[in-house]
Amino acid sequence: MIEKTSIKKLMGANLSFMRTSAGMTATELAAATGCALSTISKAEHGITFGDDLLARLCNYFAVDPVKFFLPVEHGKVDGMSSYSVNVTDNSMVPRYQPGGIIYANPALPIKSGDYIFAVINGKQYIRRVYYFDSMTILTALHPEFSPISVTEKDTVTIHKITGYTED
């Protein structure tokens, strides 16, 4: 059975993805749609998502309302779909909480300082990436997690994080 809170969280995750993909802050989206910032924030966190807000967002993003109800796959950039990953540890607290969901897209360019999802030698990490000359360093926000230095011997995949929602 589908619960109302699950639907609101899914809608909020989709809204967050659309907003961040458009390169907007929540404040900018609120101003552009004539909504209060608190309304956008509550919607993205799955607390409330009313009909009026849905209509305003559909008009602003020029999308069908069904776009807010689609699970996990959040659109495409250069033909590559975004995907979701569960946050399983506290390495990136307070930005990403355990139990939350990040969205990553393999087609987007990554620059030093970006938040990323990485797979290094088969192990998954959610971190911030920094590039120094020929070095790549992944850092956590939580101090108990040491930086990871990526070497030429490592098998590495790194994708940019494009959105986040708390579960």
N, C-alpha and C. Protein backbone atom coordinates (compact mmCIF):
# COMPACT_ATOMS: atom_id res chain seq x y z
N MET A 1 0.84 -1.19 0.00
CA MET A 1 0.00 0.00 0.00
C MET A 1 0.89 1.25 0.00
N ILE A 2 0.54 2.20 -0.84
CA ILE A 2 1.29 3.44 -0.93
C ILE A 2 0.77 4.42 0.12
N GLU A 3 1.69 5.02 0.86
CA GLU A 3 1.32 5.99 1.88
C GLU A 3 1.46 7.41 1.35
N LYS A 4 0.65 8.31 1.88
CA LYS A 4 0.69 9.71 1.48
C LYS A 4 2.07 10.33 1.68
N THR A 5 2.73 9.97 2.77
CA THR A 5 4.05 10.55 3.03
C THR A 5 5.07 10.10 1.99
N SER A 6 4.96 8.87 1.50
CA SER A 6 5.87 8.38 0.46
C SER A 6 5.69 9.16 -0.83
N ILE A 7 4.45 9.48 -1.16
CA ILE A 7 4.17 10.24 -2.38
C ILE A 7 4.74 11.65 -2.25
N LYS A 8 4.55 12.27 -1.10
CA LYS A 8 5.08 13.63 -0.89
C LYS A 8 6.60 13.64 -0.95
N LYS A 9 7.24 12.62 -0.39
CA LYS A 9 8.71 12.55 -0.44
C LYS A 9 9.20 12.37 -1.87
N LEU A 10 8.50 11.54 -2.65
CA LEU A 10 8.87 11.36 -4.05
C LEU A 10 8.70 12.66 -4.82
N MET A 11 7.59 13.34 -4.60
CA MET A 11 7.37 14.63 -5.27
C MET A 11 8.44 15.63 -4.87
N GLY A 12 8.79 15.64 -3.59
CA GLY A 12 9.82 16.55 -3.10
C GLY A 12 11.18 16.25 -3.71
N ALA A 13 11.51 14.97 -3.84
CA ALA A 13 12.79 14.58 -4.45
C ALA A 13 12.84 15.04 -5.91
N ASN A 14 11.73 14.88 -6.62
CA ASN A 14 11.67 15.32 -8.01
C ASN A 14 11.79 16.84 -8.11
N LEU A 15 11.14 17.56 -7.22
CA LEU A 15 11.23 19.02 -7.22
C LEU A 15 12.67 19.45 -6.96
N SER A 16 13.30 18.86 -5.96
CA SER A 16 14.69 19.20 -5.65
C SER A 16 15.59 18.95 -6.85
N PHE A 17 15.38 17.82 -7.53
CA PHE A 17 16.18 17.50 -8.70
C PHE A 17 15.96 18.53 -9.81
N MET A 18 14.70 18.87 -10.08
CA MET A 18 14.40 19.84 -11.15
C MET A 18 15.03 21.20 -10.84
N ARG A 19 14.90 21.61 -9.59
CA ARG A 19 15.44 22.92 -9.19
C ARG A 19 16.96 22.94 -9.31
N THR A 20 17.63 21.93 -8.75
CA THR A 20 19.10 21.93 -8.80
C THR A 20 19.61 21.73 -10.22
N SER A 21 18.89 20.96 -11.02
CA SER A 21 19.29 20.77 -12.43
C SER A 21 19.18 22.08 -13.20
N ALA A 22 18.25 22.93 -12.78
CA ALA A 22 18.09 24.24 -13.42
C ALA A 22 19.11 25.25 -12.86
N GLY A 23 19.91 24.81 -11.90
CA GLY A 23 20.93 25.68 -11.31
C GLY A 23 20.35 26.76 -10.41
N MET A 24 19.21 26.48 -9.81
CA MET A 24 18.52 27.46 -8.99
C MET A 24 18.63 27.14 -7.51
N THR A 25 18.60 28.17 -6.69
CA THR A 25 18.46 28.00 -5.25
C THR A 25 16.96 27.92 -4.95
N ALA A 26 16.64 27.47 -3.76
CA ALA A 26 15.24 27.43 -3.36
C ALA A 26 14.66 28.85 -3.31
N THR A 27 15.47 29.81 -2.90
CA THR A 27 15.03 31.21 -2.85
C THR A 27 14.68 31.72 -4.24
N GLU A 28 15.51 31.38 -5.23
CA GLU A 28 15.24 31.81 -6.61
C GLU A 28 13.97 31.17 -7.15
N LEU A 29 13.76 29.89 -6.85
CA LEU A 29 12.55 29.22 -7.32
C LEU A 29 11.31 29.80 -6.66
N ALA A 30 11.41 30.10 -5.38
CA ALA A 30 10.28 30.72 -4.68
C ALA A 30 9.90 32.04 -5.33
N ALA A 31 10.88 32.87 -5.62
CA ALA A 31 10.62 34.17 -6.25
C ALA A 31 10.03 33.99 -7.65
N ALA A 32 10.56 33.04 -8.40
CA ALA A 32 10.12 32.82 -9.79
C ALA A 32 8.68 32.29 -9.87
N THR A 33 8.26 31.55 -8.84
CA THR A 33 6.92 30.96 -8.86
C THR A 33 5.91 31.72 -8.00
N GLY A 34 6.39 32.75 -7.29
CA GLY A 34 5.49 33.52 -6.44
C GLY A 34 5.09 32.78 -5.17
N CYS A 35 5.92 31.83 -4.75
CA CYS A 35 5.65 31.05 -3.53
C CYS A 35 6.57 31.52 -2.42
N ALA A 36 6.19 31.22 -1.21
CA ALA A 36 7.07 31.49 -0.08
C ALA A 36 8.21 30.49 -0.08
N LEU A 37 9.38 30.90 0.39
CA LEU A 37 10.53 30.01 0.49
C LEU A 37 10.18 28.80 1.37
N SER A 38 9.43 29.02 2.43
CA SER A 38 9.05 27.92 3.32
C SER A 38 8.19 26.89 2.59
N THR A 39 7.38 27.32 1.63
CA THR A 39 6.55 26.40 0.85
C THR A 39 7.43 25.49 0.00
N ILE A 40 8.44 26.07 -0.66
CA ILE A 40 9.37 25.29 -1.47
C ILE A 40 10.14 24.31 -0.58
N SER A 41 10.64 24.79 0.54
CA SER A 41 11.41 23.96 1.46
C SER A 41 10.57 22.79 1.98
N LYS A 42 9.35 23.06 2.41
CA LYS A 42 8.47 21.99 2.92
C LYS A 42 8.16 20.98 1.82
N ALA A 43 7.98 21.45 0.60
CA ALA A 43 7.69 20.54 -0.52
C ALA A 43 8.90 19.64 -0.79
N GLU A 44 10.09 20.22 -0.83
CA GLU A 44 11.30 19.43 -1.11
C GLU A 44 11.58 18.41 -0.02
N HIS A 45 11.16 18.68 1.19
CA HIS A 45 11.37 17.74 2.30
C HIS A 45 10.19 16.78 2.48
N GLY A 46 9.21 16.83 1.57
CA GLY A 46 8.09 15.89 1.61
C GLY A 46 7.11 16.15 2.73
N ILE A 47 7.07 17.37 3.25
CA ILE A 47 6.17 17.70 4.34
C ILE A 47 4.78 18.05 3.81
N THR A 48 4.75 18.91 2.80
CA THR A 48 3.48 19.29 2.19
C THR A 48 3.71 19.58 0.71
N PHE A 49 2.70 19.32 -0.11
CA PHE A 49 2.83 19.54 -1.54
C PHE A 49 1.41 19.72 -2.09
N GLY A 50 0.90 20.95 -2.06
CA GLY A 50 -0.49 21.21 -2.43
C GLY A 50 -0.71 21.36 -3.93
N ASP A 51 -1.98 21.36 -4.31
CA ASP A 51 -2.38 21.49 -5.72
C ASP A 51 -1.90 22.80 -6.33
N ASP A 52 -2.02 23.90 -5.57
CA ASP A 52 -1.60 25.21 -6.09
C ASP A 52 -0.10 25.21 -6.40
N LEU A 53 0.69 24.66 -5.48
CA LEU A 53 2.14 24.58 -5.70
C LEU A 53 2.44 23.71 -6.92
N LEU A 54 1.78 22.57 -7.02
CA LEU A 54 2.00 21.68 -8.15
C LEU A 54 1.71 22.40 -9.47
N ALA A 55 0.62 23.13 -9.54
CA ALA A 55 0.27 23.87 -10.76
C ALA A 55 1.33 24.93 -11.08
N ARG A 56 1.76 25.68 -10.07
CA ARG A 56 2.78 26.71 -10.30
C ARG A 56 4.09 26.11 -10.81
N LEU A 57 4.49 24.99 -10.20
CA LEU A 57 5.74 24.35 -10.60
C LEU A 57 5.65 23.76 -12.00
N CYS A 58 4.53 23.14 -12.33
CA CYS A 58 4.33 22.59 -13.67
C CYS A 58 4.40 23.71 -14.72
N ASN A 59 3.78 24.84 -14.42
CA ASN A 59 3.83 25.98 -15.34
C ASN A 59 5.24 26.54 -15.45
N TYR A 60 5.93 26.65 -14.33
CA TYR A 60 7.28 27.23 -14.35
C TYR A 60 8.25 26.32 -15.12
N PHE A 61 8.26 25.03 -14.79
CA PHE A 61 9.19 24.10 -15.43
C PHE A 61 8.68 23.57 -16.78
N ALA A 62 7.45 23.93 -17.13
CA ALA A 62 6.81 23.49 -18.38
C ALA A 62 6.81 21.96 -18.48
N VAL A 63 6.33 21.33 -17.41
CA VAL A 63 6.26 19.86 -17.37
C VAL A 63 4.84 19.42 -17.02
N ASP A 64 4.52 18.21 -17.39
CA ASP A 64 3.26 17.58 -17.02
C ASP A 64 3.33 17.21 -15.54
N PRO A 65 2.22 17.28 -14.80
CA PRO A 65 2.26 16.93 -13.37
C PRO A 65 2.81 15.53 -13.09
N VAL A 66 2.66 14.62 -14.03
CA VAL A 66 3.14 13.25 -13.82
C VAL A 66 4.65 13.22 -13.57
N LYS A 67 5.37 14.23 -14.04
CA LYS A 67 6.83 14.30 -13.84
C LYS A 67 7.19 14.27 -12.35
N PHE A 68 6.30 14.78 -11.51
CA PHE A 68 6.56 14.81 -10.06
C PHE A 68 6.30 13.47 -9.38
N PHE A 69 5.67 12.54 -10.11
CA PHE A 69 5.31 11.26 -9.52
C PHE A 69 6.17 10.10 -10.02
N LEU A 70 7.10 10.38 -10.94
CA LEU A 70 7.94 9.33 -11.50
C LEU A 70 9.02 8.93 -10.51
N PRO A 71 9.22 7.65 -10.29
CA PRO A 71 10.25 7.22 -9.33
C PRO A 71 11.66 7.25 -9.89
N VAL A 72 12.60 7.49 -9.04
CA VAL A 72 14.05 7.35 -9.19
C VAL A 72 14.66 8.00 -10.42
N GLU A 73 14.33 7.60 -11.66
CA GLU A 73 15.00 8.18 -12.81
C GLU A 73 14.49 9.59 -13.01
N HIS A 74 15.37 10.55 -12.89
CA HIS A 74 14.99 11.95 -12.84
C HIS A 74 15.31 12.74 -14.09
N GLY A 75 15.30 12.14 -15.23
CA GLY A 75 15.57 12.89 -16.44
C GLY A 75 16.92 12.56 -17.01
N LYS A 76 17.24 13.22 -18.09
CA LYS A 76 18.47 12.88 -18.80
C LYS A 76 19.25 14.13 -19.14
N VAL A 77 20.56 14.02 -19.10
CA VAL A 77 21.47 15.05 -19.56
C VAL A 77 22.39 14.35 -20.55
N ASP A 78 22.43 14.85 -21.75
CA ASP A 78 23.24 14.23 -22.81
C ASP A 78 22.92 12.75 -22.95
N GLY A 79 21.65 12.39 -22.81
CA GLY A 79 21.23 11.00 -22.97
C GLY A 79 21.52 10.11 -21.79
N MET A 80 22.10 10.64 -20.73
CA MET A 80 22.43 9.83 -19.55
C MET A 80 21.45 10.12 -18.43
N SER A 81 20.87 9.09 -17.87
CA SER A 81 19.90 9.25 -16.80
C SER A 81 20.57 9.48 -15.46
N SER A 82 19.93 10.28 -14.63
CA SER A 82 20.36 10.39 -13.25
C SER A 82 19.89 9.15 -12.52
N TYR A 83 20.52 8.85 -11.42
CA TYR A 83 20.16 7.69 -10.63
C TYR A 83 20.24 8.06 -9.16
N SER A 84 19.65 7.22 -8.32
CA SER A 84 19.64 7.51 -6.88
C SER A 84 20.52 6.52 -6.13
N VAL A 85 21.05 6.99 -4.99
CA VAL A 85 21.88 6.17 -4.11
C VAL A 85 21.50 6.50 -2.67
N ASN A 86 21.31 5.48 -1.86
CA ASN A 86 21.00 5.69 -0.45
C ASN A 86 22.25 6.12 0.31
N VAL A 87 22.09 7.08 1.20
CA VAL A 87 23.18 7.52 2.08
C VAL A 87 23.20 6.55 3.26
N THR A 88 24.32 5.87 3.45
CA THR A 88 24.38 4.81 4.47
C THR A 88 25.26 5.13 5.67
N ASP A 89 26.03 6.22 5.60
CA ASP A 89 26.88 6.54 6.75
C ASP A 89 26.80 8.05 7.04
N ASN A 90 27.50 8.48 8.08
CA ASN A 90 27.45 9.89 8.48
C ASN A 90 28.67 10.68 8.00
N SER A 91 29.33 10.21 6.95
CA SER A 91 30.55 10.87 6.47
C SER A 91 30.31 12.27 5.94
N MET A 92 29.09 12.56 5.50
CA MET A 92 28.82 13.86 4.90
C MET A 92 27.80 14.69 5.69
N VAL A 93 27.60 14.32 6.95
CA VAL A 93 26.73 15.11 7.84
C VAL A 93 27.41 16.45 8.07
N PRO A 94 26.73 17.57 8.02
CA PRO A 94 25.29 17.73 8.02
C PRO A 94 24.64 17.83 6.63
N ARG A 95 25.42 17.81 5.56
CA ARG A 95 24.84 18.00 4.22
C ARG A 95 23.96 16.82 3.80
N TYR A 96 24.47 15.59 3.96
CA TYR A 96 23.72 14.39 3.59
C TYR A 96 23.58 13.49 4.81
N GLN A 97 22.36 13.21 5.20
CA GLN A 97 22.08 12.44 6.40
C GLN A 97 21.93 10.95 6.08
N PRO A 98 22.35 10.06 6.99
CA PRO A 98 22.09 8.63 6.80
C PRO A 98 20.59 8.40 6.61
N GLY A 99 20.23 7.57 5.65
CA GLY A 99 18.83 7.33 5.34
C GLY A 99 18.31 8.22 4.23
N GLY A 100 19.06 9.26 3.89
CA GLY A 100 18.66 10.14 2.79
C GLY A 100 18.99 9.51 1.44
N ILE A 101 18.65 10.22 0.38
CA ILE A 101 18.90 9.73 -0.97
C ILE A 101 19.58 10.85 -1.76
N ILE A 102 20.72 10.52 -2.39
CA ILE A 102 21.36 11.49 -3.29
C ILE A 102 21.04 11.07 -4.72
N TYR A 103 21.10 12.04 -5.62
CA TYR A 103 20.90 11.79 -7.04
C TYR A 103 22.17 12.20 -7.75
N ALA A 104 22.66 11.37 -8.65
CA ALA A 104 23.89 11.64 -9.37
C ALA A 104 23.67 11.47 -10.86
N ASN A 105 24.46 12.20 -11.65
CA ASN A 105 24.34 12.10 -13.10
C ASN A 105 25.73 11.92 -13.70
N PRO A 106 25.93 10.82 -14.44
CA PRO A 106 27.24 10.54 -15.02
C PRO A 106 27.62 11.44 -16.19
N ALA A 107 26.68 12.21 -16.73
CA ALA A 107 26.97 13.04 -17.91
C ALA A 107 27.44 14.44 -17.56
N LEU A 108 27.31 14.84 -16.31
CA LEU A 108 27.65 16.21 -15.95
C LEU A 108 29.15 16.36 -15.65
N PRO A 109 29.73 17.49 -16.04
CA PRO A 109 31.15 17.72 -15.73
C PRO A 109 31.35 17.92 -14.24
N ILE A 110 32.53 17.56 -13.76
CA ILE A 110 32.85 17.68 -12.34
C ILE A 110 34.04 18.63 -12.21
N LYS A 111 33.93 19.56 -11.25
CA LYS A 111 35.04 20.46 -10.98
C LYS A 111 35.47 20.31 -9.52
N SER A 112 36.64 20.77 -9.23
CA SER A 112 37.17 20.69 -7.88
C SER A 112 36.20 21.38 -6.91
N GLY A 113 35.88 20.69 -5.81
CA GLY A 113 34.97 21.22 -4.81
C GLY A 113 33.56 20.69 -4.93
N ASP A 114 33.24 19.97 -6.03
CA ASP A 114 31.89 19.41 -6.21
C ASP A 114 31.64 18.26 -5.25
N TYR A 115 30.37 18.06 -4.94
CA TYR A 115 29.94 16.90 -4.18
C TYR A 115 29.69 15.79 -5.19
N ILE A 116 30.22 14.59 -4.88
CA ILE A 116 30.19 13.51 -5.86
C ILE A 116 29.84 12.17 -5.23
N PHE A 117 29.43 11.25 -6.09
CA PHE A 117 29.29 9.84 -5.73
C PHE A 117 30.40 9.12 -6.47
N ALA A 118 31.22 8.35 -5.76
CA ALA A 118 32.35 7.66 -6.37
C ALA A 118 32.32 6.18 -6.03
N VAL A 119 32.80 5.39 -6.98
CA VAL A 119 33.06 3.98 -6.74
C VAL A 119 34.56 3.78 -7.01
N ILE A 120 35.27 3.40 -5.95
CA ILE A 120 36.72 3.21 -6.04
C ILE A 120 37.02 1.77 -5.67
N ASN A 121 37.54 1.03 -6.64
CA ASN A 121 37.86 -0.39 -6.44
C ASN A 121 36.67 -1.15 -5.86
N GLY A 122 35.48 -0.82 -6.33
CA GLY A 122 34.26 -1.53 -5.93
C GLY A 122 33.59 -1.00 -4.68
N LYS A 123 34.20 -0.04 -3.98
CA LYS A 123 33.61 0.51 -2.76
C LYS A 123 33.00 1.88 -3.05
N GLN A 124 31.79 2.12 -2.51
CA GLN A 124 31.05 3.35 -2.78
C GLN A 124 31.33 4.43 -1.73
N TYR A 125 31.42 5.68 -2.24
CA TYR A 125 31.66 6.83 -1.37
C TYR A 125 30.81 8.01 -1.83
N ILE A 126 30.33 8.77 -0.87
CA ILE A 126 29.73 10.08 -1.14
C ILE A 126 30.68 11.07 -0.48
N ARG A 127 31.26 11.93 -1.29
CA ARG A 127 32.31 12.81 -0.79
C ARG A 127 32.34 14.13 -1.58
N ARG A 128 33.30 14.94 -1.24
CA ARG A 128 33.61 16.15 -1.99
C ARG A 128 34.95 15.88 -2.68
N VAL A 129 35.08 16.27 -3.93
CA VAL A 129 36.29 15.98 -4.69
C VAL A 129 37.12 17.24 -4.87
N TYR A 130 38.44 17.07 -4.77
CA TYR A 130 39.37 18.16 -5.03
C TYR A 130 40.46 17.65 -5.96
N TYR A 131 40.78 18.46 -6.96
CA TYR A 131 41.84 18.12 -7.90
C TYR A 131 43.03 19.04 -7.66
N PHE A 132 44.21 18.44 -7.47
CA PHE A 132 45.46 19.17 -7.28
C PHE A 132 46.47 18.61 -8.26
N ASP A 133 46.83 19.39 -9.28
CA ASP A 133 47.77 18.93 -10.30
C ASP A 133 47.39 17.52 -10.76
N SER A 134 48.19 16.52 -10.40
CA SER A 134 47.90 15.15 -10.83
C SER A 134 47.25 14.31 -9.72
N MET A 135 46.83 14.96 -8.64
CA MET A 135 46.22 14.24 -7.51
C MET A 135 44.72 14.49 -7.46
N THR A 136 43.98 13.46 -7.04
CA THR A 136 42.55 13.57 -6.76
C THR A 136 42.34 13.14 -5.32
N ILE A 137 41.72 14.02 -4.53
CA ILE A 137 41.46 13.76 -3.12
C ILE A 137 39.95 13.84 -2.88
N LEU A 138 39.42 12.83 -2.18
CA LEU A 138 38.01 12.84 -1.79
C LEU A 138 37.94 13.09 -0.28
N THR A 139 37.14 14.07 0.12
CA THR A 139 37.04 14.40 1.54
C THR A 139 35.62 14.27 2.05
N ALA A 140 35.52 13.89 3.29
CA ALA A 140 34.23 13.82 3.99
C ALA A 140 34.06 15.11 4.78
N LEU A 141 32.83 15.41 5.16
CA LEU A 141 32.57 16.56 6.02
C LEU A 141 32.77 16.20 7.49
N HIS A 142 32.48 14.96 7.82
CA HIS A 142 32.61 14.50 9.20
C HIS A 142 34.08 14.20 9.50
N PRO A 143 34.63 14.74 10.60
CA PRO A 143 36.07 14.62 10.88
C PRO A 143 36.57 13.20 11.14
N GLU A 144 35.69 12.25 11.47
CA GLU A 144 36.18 10.90 11.75
C GLU A 144 36.53 10.11 10.48
N PHE A 145 36.23 10.67 9.32
CA PHE A 145 36.53 10.00 8.05
C PHE A 145 37.75 10.67 7.41
N SER A 146 38.77 9.88 7.16
CA SER A 146 40.01 10.40 6.57
C SER A 146 39.83 10.69 5.08
N PRO A 147 40.61 11.65 4.56
CA PRO A 147 40.58 11.90 3.12
C PRO A 147 41.05 10.66 2.36
N ILE A 148 40.55 10.51 1.15
CA ILE A 148 40.93 9.39 0.28
C ILE A 148 41.74 9.95 -0.88
N SER A 149 42.92 9.43 -1.06
CA SER A 149 43.77 9.83 -2.18
C SER A 149 43.60 8.78 -3.28
N VAL A 150 43.18 9.23 -4.45
CA VAL A 150 42.96 8.32 -5.57
C VAL A 150 44.27 8.21 -6.35
N THR A 151 44.69 6.98 -6.61
CA THR A 151 45.94 6.74 -7.34
C THR A 151 45.66 6.21 -8.73
N GLU A 152 46.71 6.15 -9.55
CA GLU A 152 46.59 5.61 -10.91
C GLU A 152 46.20 4.14 -10.90
N LYS A 153 46.51 3.43 -9.84
CA LYS A 153 46.22 1.99 -9.75
C LYS A 153 44.75 1.72 -9.42
N ASP A 154 44.04 2.73 -8.93
CA ASP A 154 42.63 2.56 -8.55
C ASP A 154 41.72 2.50 -9.77
N THR A 155 40.66 1.71 -9.66
CA THR A 155 39.59 1.72 -10.64
C THR A 155 38.53 2.67 -10.09
N VAL A 156 38.28 3.77 -10.82
CA VAL A 156 37.47 4.86 -10.26
C VAL A 156 36.36 5.28 -11.22
N THR A 157 35.18 5.49 -10.66
CA THR A 157 34.07 6.13 -11.35
C THR A 157 33.59 7.24 -10.45
N ILE A 158 33.46 8.46 -10.99
CA ILE A 158 33.00 9.60 -10.20
C ILE A 158 31.88 10.30 -10.97
N HIS A 159 30.74 10.50 -10.28
CA HIS A 159 29.59 11.20 -10.87
C HIS A 159 29.16 12.34 -9.96
N LYS A 160 28.75 13.44 -10.58
CA LYS A 160 28.34 14.62 -9.83
C LYS A 160 26.98 14.40 -9.16
N ILE A 161 26.87 14.83 -7.91
CA ILE A 161 25.59 14.78 -7.18
C ILE A 161 24.75 15.97 -7.65
N THR A 162 23.51 15.68 -8.04
CA THR A 162 22.64 16.72 -8.56
C THR A 162 21.44 17.02 -7.67
N GLY A 163 21.24 16.21 -6.65
CA GLY A 163 20.11 16.46 -5.76
C GLY A 163 20.17 15.58 -4.53
N TYR A 164 19.28 15.88 -3.58
CA TYR A 164 19.26 15.14 -2.32
C TYR A 164 17.87 15.28 -1.70
N THR A 165 17.42 14.21 -1.10
CA THR A 165 16.20 14.26 -0.31
C THR A 165 16.38 13.37 0.91
N GLU A 166 15.75 13.76 2.00
CA GLU A 166 15.81 12.92 3.20
C GLU A 166 14.72 11.90 3.12
N ASP A 167 15.05 10.68 3.53
CA ASP A 167 14.09 9.58 3.47
C ASP A 167 13.05 9.69 4.55
